[in-house]
Amino acid sequence: MPEKNSVAVILPAGGLGTRLGYSIPKAFIRIAGKTILEHTLERFYPLEAVSRIIVPVPEPMLVEARLLLSRYTDKPVVVIEGGKERLYSINNALKHIGDASFVAVHDAVRPMVTEDEIVQVIKAAVVYKAAMLVCPSDYTLKRISEDMMIEHTEDRSSIWQAQTPQVFEKSLLLKAYDIAIASNFFGTDDASLVERTGAPVKAVHGSGRNIKITRKQDLELVRFMMNSTQQPFRIGYGYDTHRLKTGRKLVLGGVEIPYEKGLDGHSDADVLIHAIIDAMVGALALGDIGSHFPDTDPAYSGADSRKLFRAIYEVVKSKGYVIGNVDSTVVAERPKLRNLIDTMRANIAEDLETSPENISVKATTSEKIGFVGREEGMSASAVVLLVSNSKGQS
């Protein structure tokens, strides 16, 4: 196995999206709630062998890219300005690889590469100093003259299509780029630059699923493949409870309710909103509300729960889901909530970008039983259905 933190990864993300009908670089097109760049980066990010990831982007995309990738904090993700050509973008990125022993270069618009493919190429590079993914050609290949006449048919058995990642010993790739820059040789991929140094490159059998998004049909195929692997529905259950305390405002479902006591908590203690948040993160197996908004963090002291609510819904959307419906129940002896329920539903629907018809809020008592019955506190529970967002993914 490759050593931990031994590989720096470069993801050039400067290709234009004009052939796809977009005015932004291809890597910033969204599929299943994330940019193509994020999907690709996440193929490499968890690997122990990867020490850092460098992303060259066009100058107008620098701020957006840095903001987009700022949530990846477990290891360095460095966004730099790319060059006018891929050759110069990679050359710029090579200045940021740190002390890694190997460098992997992978097209930012190949989001379907698998962990196994990445690991196998790295392993081969450790042995041979240079390795790349390839896949066999499925088509009969003809060599054609300038006047569009068939000259002859190539032997398809020896023709393979180049893919990425391509992984190289650091000193070898630096040498190849020094020569290419000096001779103004652009090549068609990094392996072609290394080949010019006389160094052999090991081919590793890849898969036709490792598609480079170049044309509209590539984008649609990758979108279909991602949708087919994502669960169409996810269901979560949430529960929350808070004590009642004199001197606190009572807030439920985003509605401030005149009452002699309020719910005690680090934020505004909106027990209904908190239960729905808990259900949403539970549906995605992302922990509980406390793991996202810990009560030890002063940033959330007195926080408006609706702001936290909206922040969590952005996470839900980033995972490729939207709200299907919510069913929730508040348990309280007093005050009576019946006349406020429609306002709560409207608030929740607004924050979840859906119709109030998809939001159920019920209120009941505990029939004088337990801490709620003694009017010491309130509780709420919620069930949330998340639906895969097959629309709006571009």
Protein backbone atom coordinates (compact mmCIF):
# COMPACT_ATOMS: atom_id res chain seq x y z
CA MET A 1 0.00 0.00 0.00
CA PRO A 2 1.18 3.57 -0.63
CA GLU A 3 2.38 5.42 2.45
CA LYS A 4 0.09 7.77 4.32
CA ASN A 5 0.20 11.37 3.04
CA SER A 6 2.54 10.41 0.21
CA VAL A 7 0.48 11.69 -2.74
CA ALA A 8 -0.45 15.24 -3.73
CA VAL A 9 -3.45 15.39 -6.07
CA ILE A 10 -3.92 18.02 -8.77
CA LEU A 11 -7.45 18.53 -10.14
CA PRO A 12 -7.29 20.98 -13.07
CA ALA A 13 -10.70 22.66 -13.27
CA GLY A 14 -10.39 25.20 -16.06
CA GLY A 15 -12.22 23.50 -18.93
CA LEU A 16 -15.00 25.65 -20.38
CA GLY A 17 -18.63 24.55 -20.40
CA THR A 18 -19.60 26.19 -23.69
CA ARG A 19 -20.07 22.88 -25.52
CA LEU A 20 -22.45 21.89 -22.72
CA GLY A 21 -24.41 25.12 -23.01
CA TYR A 22 -22.99 26.70 -19.83
CA SER A 23 -21.16 29.98 -19.32
CA ILE A 24 -19.10 28.62 -16.40
CA PRO A 25 -16.25 26.08 -16.34
CA LYS A 26 -17.50 22.51 -16.59
CA ALA A 27 -16.27 21.57 -13.15
CA PHE A 28 -18.71 24.05 -11.56
CA ILE A 29 -21.84 22.57 -13.13
CA ARG A 30 -24.04 20.99 -10.46
CA ILE A 31 -25.17 17.37 -10.44
CA ALA A 32 -27.14 15.79 -7.60
CA GLY A 33 -26.80 18.84 -5.38
CA LYS A 34 -23.02 19.32 -5.77
CA THR A 35 -20.63 20.67 -8.35
CA ILE A 36 -18.80 18.15 -10.52
CA LEU A 37 -15.61 19.39 -8.86
CA GLU A 38 -16.90 18.45 -5.39
CA HIS A 39 -17.94 14.98 -6.55
CA THR A 40 -14.48 14.42 -8.04
CA LEU A 41 -12.60 15.82 -5.06
CA GLU A 42 -14.53 13.55 -2.71
CA ARG A 43 -13.22 10.50 -4.57
CA PHE A 44 -9.68 11.38 -3.41
CA TYR A 45 -10.24 13.32 -0.19
CA PRO A 46 -10.84 10.37 2.20
CA LEU A 47 -7.79 8.37 1.05
CA GLU A 48 -5.00 8.15 3.62
CA ALA A 49 -2.36 8.25 0.88
CA VAL A 50 -3.53 11.72 -0.20
CA SER A 51 -1.74 14.54 1.62
CA ARG A 52 -3.29 17.53 -0.13
CA ILE A 53 -5.36 18.51 -3.15
CA ILE A 54 -4.51 21.42 -5.45
CA VAL A 55 -7.22 22.85 -7.69
CA PRO A 56 -6.18 25.25 -10.48
CA VAL A 57 -9.15 27.34 -11.65
CA PRO A 58 -9.61 30.34 -13.97
CA GLU A 59 -9.00 33.67 -12.24
CA PRO A 60 -12.71 34.72 -12.30
CA MET A 61 -13.61 31.54 -10.36
CA LEU A 62 -11.02 31.89 -7.57
CA VAL A 63 -13.29 33.40 -4.92
CA GLU A 64 -16.20 31.08 -5.68
CA ALA A 65 -13.98 28.00 -5.72
CA ARG A 66 -12.31 28.87 -2.41
CA LEU A 67 -15.69 29.44 -0.79
CA LEU A 68 -17.08 26.23 -2.28
CA LEU A 69 -14.18 24.11 -1.02
CA SER A 70 -13.69 25.84 2.34
CA ARG A 71 -15.66 23.11 4.14
CA TYR A 72 -12.95 20.55 3.40
CA THR A 73 -10.71 21.09 6.42
CA ASP A 74 -9.28 17.67 7.36
CA LYS A 75 -6.42 18.10 4.90
CA PRO A 76 -5.22 21.02 2.77
CA VAL A 77 -7.32 21.88 -0.30
CA VAL A 78 -5.45 24.62 -2.14
CA VAL A 79 -7.23 26.64 -4.83
CA ILE A 80 -4.84 28.46 -7.16
CA GLU A 81 -5.09 30.48 -10.35
CA GLY A 82 -4.60 28.32 -13.41
CA GLY A 83 -2.96 29.24 -16.69
CA LYS A 84 -4.34 29.87 -20.15
CA GLU A 85 -3.47 26.29 -21.10
CA ARG A 86 -3.61 23.08 -19.10
CA LEU A 87 0.18 22.79 -19.29
CA TYR A 88 0.61 26.04 -17.39
CA SER A 89 -2.15 25.23 -14.90
CA ILE A 90 -0.45 21.98 -13.89
CA ASN A 91 2.93 23.68 -13.83
CA ASN A 92 1.56 26.30 -11.42
CA ALA A 93 0.03 23.56 -9.26
CA LEU A 94 3.35 21.72 -9.01
CA LYS A 95 4.65 24.64 -6.91
CA HIS A 96 2.12 23.72 -4.19
CA ILE A 97 2.61 19.96 -3.81
CA GLY A 98 4.65 20.21 -0.62
CA ASP A 99 6.77 17.24 0.43
CA ALA A 100 4.63 14.53 -1.19
CA SER A 101 6.62 11.75 -2.87
CA PHE A 102 4.11 11.28 -5.71
CA VAL A 103 1.78 13.50 -7.71
CA ALA A 104 -1.58 12.35 -9.10
CA VAL A 105 -3.19 14.40 -11.85
CA HIS A 106 -6.89 13.80 -12.46
CA ASP A 107 -9.41 15.61 -14.64
CA ALA A 108 -11.79 17.52 -12.38
CA VAL A 109 -14.62 16.49 -14.72
CA ARG A 110 -14.13 12.74 -14.21
CA PRO A 111 -16.32 12.30 -11.11
CA MET A 112 -17.05 8.58 -11.61
CA VAL A 113 -13.56 7.24 -10.92
CA THR A 114 -13.62 4.66 -8.12
CA GLU A 115 -11.50 4.41 -5.00
CA ASP A 116 -10.15 1.05 -6.17
CA GLU A 117 -9.01 2.54 -9.50
CA ILE A 118 -7.23 5.39 -7.72
CA VAL A 119 -5.50 3.04 -5.28
CA GLN A 120 -4.40 0.64 -8.04
CA VAL A 121 -2.79 3.44 -10.06
CA ILE A 122 -0.98 4.79 -7.00
CA LYS A 123 0.29 1.29 -6.17
CA ALA A 124 1.58 0.89 -9.72
CA ALA A 125 3.32 4.28 -9.58
CA VAL A 126 5.09 3.28 -6.37
CA VAL A 127 6.58 0.30 -8.25
CA TYR A 128 7.12 1.78 -11.74
CA LYS A 129 7.48 5.54 -10.91
CA ALA A 130 4.77 6.38 -13.47
CA ALA A 131 1.33 4.87 -14.03
CA MET A 132 -1.99 5.77 -15.57
CA LEU A 133 -5.49 4.41 -16.01
CA VAL A 134 -6.45 3.18 -19.47
CA CYS A 135 -9.44 1.39 -20.92
CA PRO A 136 -9.71 -0.63 -24.14
CA SER A 137 -11.21 0.97 -27.20
CA ASP A 138 -14.66 -0.35 -28.04
CA TYR A 139 -14.64 1.04 -31.57
CA THR A 140 -13.01 0.11 -34.85
CA LEU A 141 -10.44 2.84 -35.56
CA LYS A 142 -9.65 4.08 -39.06
CA ARG A 143 -6.68 6.18 -40.11
CA ILE A 144 -8.00 8.84 -42.51
CA SER A 145 -6.15 11.03 -45.03
CA GLU A 146 -6.50 14.79 -45.32
CA ASP A 147 -9.04 14.33 -48.12
CA MET A 148 -11.14 12.05 -45.86
CA MET A 149 -10.18 8.75 -47.47
CA ILE A 150 -9.63 5.60 -45.40
CA GLU A 151 -5.94 4.74 -45.38
CA HIS A 152 -6.09 1.67 -43.18
CA THR A 153 -7.68 0.11 -40.10
CA GLU A 154 -5.78 0.24 -36.82
CA ASP A 155 -5.25 -2.90 -34.77
CA ARG A 156 -7.76 -2.22 -32.01
CA SER A 157 -6.27 -4.82 -29.66
CA SER A 158 -3.25 -2.59 -29.01
CA ILE A 159 -5.12 0.72 -28.86
CA TRP A 160 -6.25 1.85 -25.43
CA GLN A 161 -7.90 5.10 -24.35
CA ALA A 162 -6.03 7.27 -21.87
CA GLN A 163 -7.79 8.12 -18.61
CA THR A 164 -6.90 9.72 -15.32
CA PRO A 165 -5.67 9.65 -12.65
CA GLN A 166 -2.10 9.56 -13.86
CA VAL A 167 0.39 9.22 -11.02
CA PHE A 168 4.11 9.98 -11.10
CA GLU A 169 7.09 10.12 -8.82
CA LYS A 170 7.46 13.81 -7.99
CA SER A 171 10.97 14.31 -9.41
CA LEU A 172 9.99 12.59 -12.66
CA LEU A 173 6.94 14.79 -13.24
CA LEU A 174 8.86 17.97 -12.34
CA LYS A 175 11.54 17.03 -14.87
CA ALA A 176 8.92 16.32 -17.55
CA TYR A 177 7.29 19.71 -17.02
CA ASP A 178 10.60 21.56 -17.05
CA ILE A 179 11.35 20.03 -20.46
CA ALA A 180 7.82 20.65 -21.79
CA ILE A 181 7.79 24.30 -20.68
CA ALA A 182 11.26 24.91 -22.14
CA SER A 183 10.31 23.37 -25.49
CA ASN A 184 6.72 24.70 -25.50
CA PHE A 185 5.41 21.14 -25.88
CA PHE A 186 1.80 20.91 -24.73
CA GLY A 187 1.17 17.20 -25.25
CA THR A 188 -2.27 15.65 -24.79
CA ASP A 189 -1.86 14.43 -21.22
CA ASP A 190 0.76 14.29 -18.47
CA ALA A 191 1.91 10.82 -19.48
CA SER A 192 2.85 12.14 -22.93
CA LEU A 193 5.19 14.65 -21.26
CA VAL A 194 6.76 11.94 -19.11
CA GLU A 195 7.16 9.66 -22.13
CA ARG A 196 9.36 12.34 -23.77
CA THR A 197 11.88 11.96 -20.92
CA GLY A 198 12.33 8.32 -21.89
CA ALA A 199 10.69 7.03 -18.70
CA PRO A 200 8.27 4.10 -19.08
CA VAL A 201 4.66 4.51 -17.94
CA LYS A 202 2.72 1.55 -16.51
CA ALA A 203 -0.83 1.10 -17.85
CA VAL A 204 -3.50 0.09 -15.32
CA HIS A 205 -6.78 -1.36 -16.57
CA GLY A 206 -9.59 1.11 -15.91
CA SER A 207 -13.31 1.22 -16.62
CA GLY A 208 -15.55 2.80 -19.22
CA ARG A 209 -17.52 4.29 -16.31
CA ASN A 210 -14.66 6.72 -15.69
CA ILE A 211 -16.19 9.23 -18.09
CA LYS A 212 -14.66 12.61 -18.84
CA ILE A 213 -17.51 15.11 -19.20
CA THR A 214 -16.87 16.81 -22.53
CA ARG A 215 -20.17 16.84 -24.43
CA LYS A 216 -23.81 17.16 -23.42
CA GLN A 217 -24.36 13.42 -23.70
CA ASP A 218 -21.49 12.83 -21.26
CA LEU A 219 -23.12 15.17 -18.74
CA GLU A 220 -26.50 13.48 -19.10
CA LEU A 221 -24.95 10.02 -18.77
CA VAL A 222 -23.07 10.95 -15.59
CA ARG A 223 -26.19 12.60 -14.20
CA PHE A 224 -28.15 9.40 -14.86
CA MET A 225 -25.43 7.24 -13.30
CA MET A 226 -25.34 9.36 -10.16
CA ASN A 227 -29.10 9.40 -9.83
CA SER A 228 -29.27 5.65 -10.25
CA THR A 229 -26.92 5.12 -7.30
CA GLN A 230 -28.69 7.55 -4.99
CA GLN A 231 -31.56 6.33 -2.86
CA PRO A 232 -34.83 7.90 -4.09
CA PHE A 233 -36.11 8.43 -0.53
CA ARG A 234 -34.68 8.81 2.95
CA ILE A 235 -36.69 8.96 6.18
CA GLY A 236 -35.61 10.45 9.49
CA TYR A 237 -37.08 10.66 12.99
CA GLY A 238 -36.30 13.50 15.40
CA TYR A 239 -37.09 14.23 19.04
CA ASP A 240 -36.30 17.15 21.32
CA THR A 241 -37.29 18.37 24.76
CA HIS A 242 -36.63 21.52 26.79
CA ARG A 243 -37.46 22.71 30.29
CA LEU A 244 -39.78 25.66 30.87
CA LYS A 245 -38.21 28.63 32.64
CA THR A 246 -39.49 31.98 33.85
CA GLY A 247 -37.94 34.95 32.06
CA ARG A 248 -37.49 33.19 28.72
CA LYS A 249 -39.40 33.84 25.49
CA LEU A 250 -41.54 30.97 24.26
CA VAL A 251 -40.82 30.25 20.59
CA LEU A 252 -42.43 27.34 18.73
CA GLY A 253 -42.26 26.80 14.99
CA GLY A 254 -40.71 30.24 14.63
CA VAL A 255 -43.70 31.89 16.37
CA GLU A 256 -43.09 33.94 19.50
CA ILE A 257 -45.99 33.11 21.83
CA PRO A 258 -47.04 35.31 24.78
CA TYR A 259 -46.72 33.11 27.86
CA GLU A 260 -45.49 33.27 31.44
CA LYS A 261 -42.56 30.95 30.74
CA GLY A 262 -40.27 30.09 27.84
CA LEU A 263 -38.20 27.09 26.87
CA ASP A 264 -34.68 27.01 28.30
CA GLY A 265 -31.77 26.27 26.00
CA HIS A 266 -28.54 27.51 24.44
CA SER A 267 -30.41 28.91 21.42
CA ASP A 268 -34.01 30.16 21.46
CA ALA A 269 -34.91 26.51 22.31
CA ASP A 270 -37.59 26.15 19.62
CA VAL A 271 -38.32 22.53 20.42
CA LEU A 272 -40.42 21.99 17.28
CA ILE A 273 -37.80 23.29 14.86
CA HIS A 274 -35.13 21.33 16.72
CA ALA A 275 -37.04 18.07 16.35
CA ILE A 276 -37.40 18.61 12.59
CA ILE A 277 -33.68 19.45 12.27
CA ASP A 278 -32.90 16.25 14.17
CA ALA A 279 -35.08 14.27 11.74
CA MET A 280 -33.41 15.79 8.67
CA VAL A 281 -29.85 15.06 9.78
CA GLY A 282 -30.99 11.64 10.95
CA ALA A 283 -32.41 10.86 7.51
CA LEU A 284 -28.96 11.47 6.03
CA ALA A 285 -27.10 9.70 8.87
CA LEU A 286 -25.32 12.94 9.75
CA GLY A 287 -25.53 12.68 13.52
CA ASP A 288 -27.92 14.75 15.60
CA ILE A 289 -28.64 18.45 16.04
CA GLY A 290 -26.05 18.73 18.81
CA SER A 291 -23.24 17.56 16.55
CA HIS A 292 -24.00 20.43 14.15
CA PHE A 293 -24.85 23.15 16.68
CA PRO A 294 -23.18 22.21 20.00
CA ASP A 295 -24.45 23.96 23.11
CA THR A 296 -20.83 24.61 24.08
CA ASP A 297 -20.31 26.93 21.11
CA PRO A 298 -20.96 30.59 22.02
CA ALA A 299 -21.80 31.30 18.37
CA TYR A 300 -25.19 29.67 18.91
CA SER A 301 -26.02 31.40 22.20
CA GLY A 302 -29.54 32.77 21.81
CA ALA A 303 -29.54 31.82 18.13
CA ASP A 304 -32.70 32.04 16.05
CA SER A 305 -33.53 28.38 15.38
CA ARG A 306 -34.95 29.25 11.97
CA LYS A 307 -31.48 30.36 10.85
CA LEU A 308 -30.08 27.02 12.00
CA PHE A 309 -33.00 25.33 10.25
CA ARG A 310 -32.19 26.98 6.94
CA ALA A 311 -28.49 26.13 7.29
CA ILE A 312 -29.30 22.45 7.76
CA TYR A 313 -31.63 22.48 4.77
CA GLU A 314 -28.73 23.74 2.65
CA VAL A 315 -26.83 20.63 3.77
CA VAL A 316 -29.82 18.48 2.78
CA LYS A 317 -29.86 20.04 -0.70
CA SER A 318 -26.09 19.65 -1.05
CA LYS A 319 -26.62 15.91 -0.59
CA GLY A 320 -29.07 15.87 -3.49
CA TYR A 321 -32.37 15.82 -1.58
CA VAL A 322 -35.38 18.04 -1.00
CA ILE A 323 -38.25 17.87 1.46
CA GLY A 324 -41.06 15.47 0.59
CA ASN A 325 -43.13 16.09 3.69
CA VAL A 326 -42.87 16.64 7.44
CA ASP A 327 -45.14 15.24 10.16
CA SER A 328 -44.52 16.73 13.62
CA THR A 329 -46.11 16.85 17.06
CA VAL A 330 -45.65 19.27 19.95
CA VAL A 331 -46.51 17.95 23.41
CA ALA A 332 -47.42 20.71 25.91
CA GLU A 333 -50.04 21.23 28.60
CA ARG A 334 -50.21 24.98 28.05
CA PRO A 335 -50.65 27.30 26.24
CA LYS A 336 -53.17 26.20 23.65
CA LEU A 337 -51.53 26.11 20.23
CA ARG A 338 -54.38 25.28 17.86
CA ASN A 339 -54.78 28.84 16.52
CA LEU A 340 -51.03 29.18 15.89
CA ILE A 341 -50.45 25.96 13.97
CA ASP A 342 -51.06 27.39 10.49
CA THR A 343 -48.50 30.13 11.12
CA MET A 344 -45.98 27.53 12.28
CA ARG A 345 -46.63 25.46 9.18
CA ALA A 346 -46.13 28.52 6.97
CA ASN A 347 -42.81 29.35 8.67
CA ILE A 348 -41.51 25.81 8.35
CA ALA A 349 -42.64 25.55 4.73
CA GLU A 350 -40.91 28.83 3.88
CA ASP A 351 -37.61 27.69 5.38
CA LEU A 352 -37.84 24.30 3.66
CA GLU A 353 -38.82 25.85 0.31
CA THR A 354 -41.99 23.83 0.04
CA SER A 355 -45.75 24.24 0.36
CA PRO A 356 -47.52 24.30 3.74
CA GLU A 357 -49.52 21.37 2.37
CA ASN A 358 -46.36 19.28 2.88
CA ILE A 359 -45.96 20.33 6.52
CA SER A 360 -48.02 18.81 9.33
CA VAL A 361 -47.85 20.29 12.83
CA LYS A 362 -49.98 18.73 15.54
CA ALA A 363 -50.32 19.70 19.19
CA THR A 364 -51.35 17.52 22.09
CA THR A 365 -51.02 17.26 25.88
CA SER A 366 -49.60 14.46 28.01
CA GLU A 367 -52.81 14.23 30.05
CA LYS A 368 -51.04 15.61 33.17
CA ILE A 369 -48.53 12.72 33.07
CA GLY A 370 -44.78 13.19 33.45
CA PHE A 371 -42.64 16.32 33.25
CA VAL A 372 -44.81 17.78 30.48
CA GLY A 373 -47.94 17.06 32.49
CA ARG A 374 -46.42 18.87 35.46
CA GLU A 375 -45.68 21.81 33.12
CA GLU A 376 -41.97 21.51 33.70
CA GLY A 377 -41.19 21.39 29.99
CA MET A 378 -42.30 20.61 26.45
CA SER A 379 -41.27 18.01 23.88
CA ALA A 380 -41.65 17.57 20.14
CA SER A 381 -41.13 14.78 17.65
CA ALA A 382 -40.96 14.77 13.86
CA VAL A 383 -40.76 12.42 10.92
CA VAL A 384 -39.23 13.76 7.70
CA LEU A 385 -39.30 12.29 4.20
CA LEU A 386 -36.47 13.44 1.93
CA VAL A 387 -36.82 12.93 -1.82
CA SER A 388 -33.92 12.67 -4.27
CA ASN A 389 -33.70 15.91 -6.18
CA SER A 390 -33.78 14.65 -9.77
CA LYS A 391 -34.80 18.15 -10.86
CA GLY A 392 -32.69 21.25 -10.63
CA GLN A 393 -29.42 19.34 -10.63
CA SER A 394 -27.77 21.33 -13.32
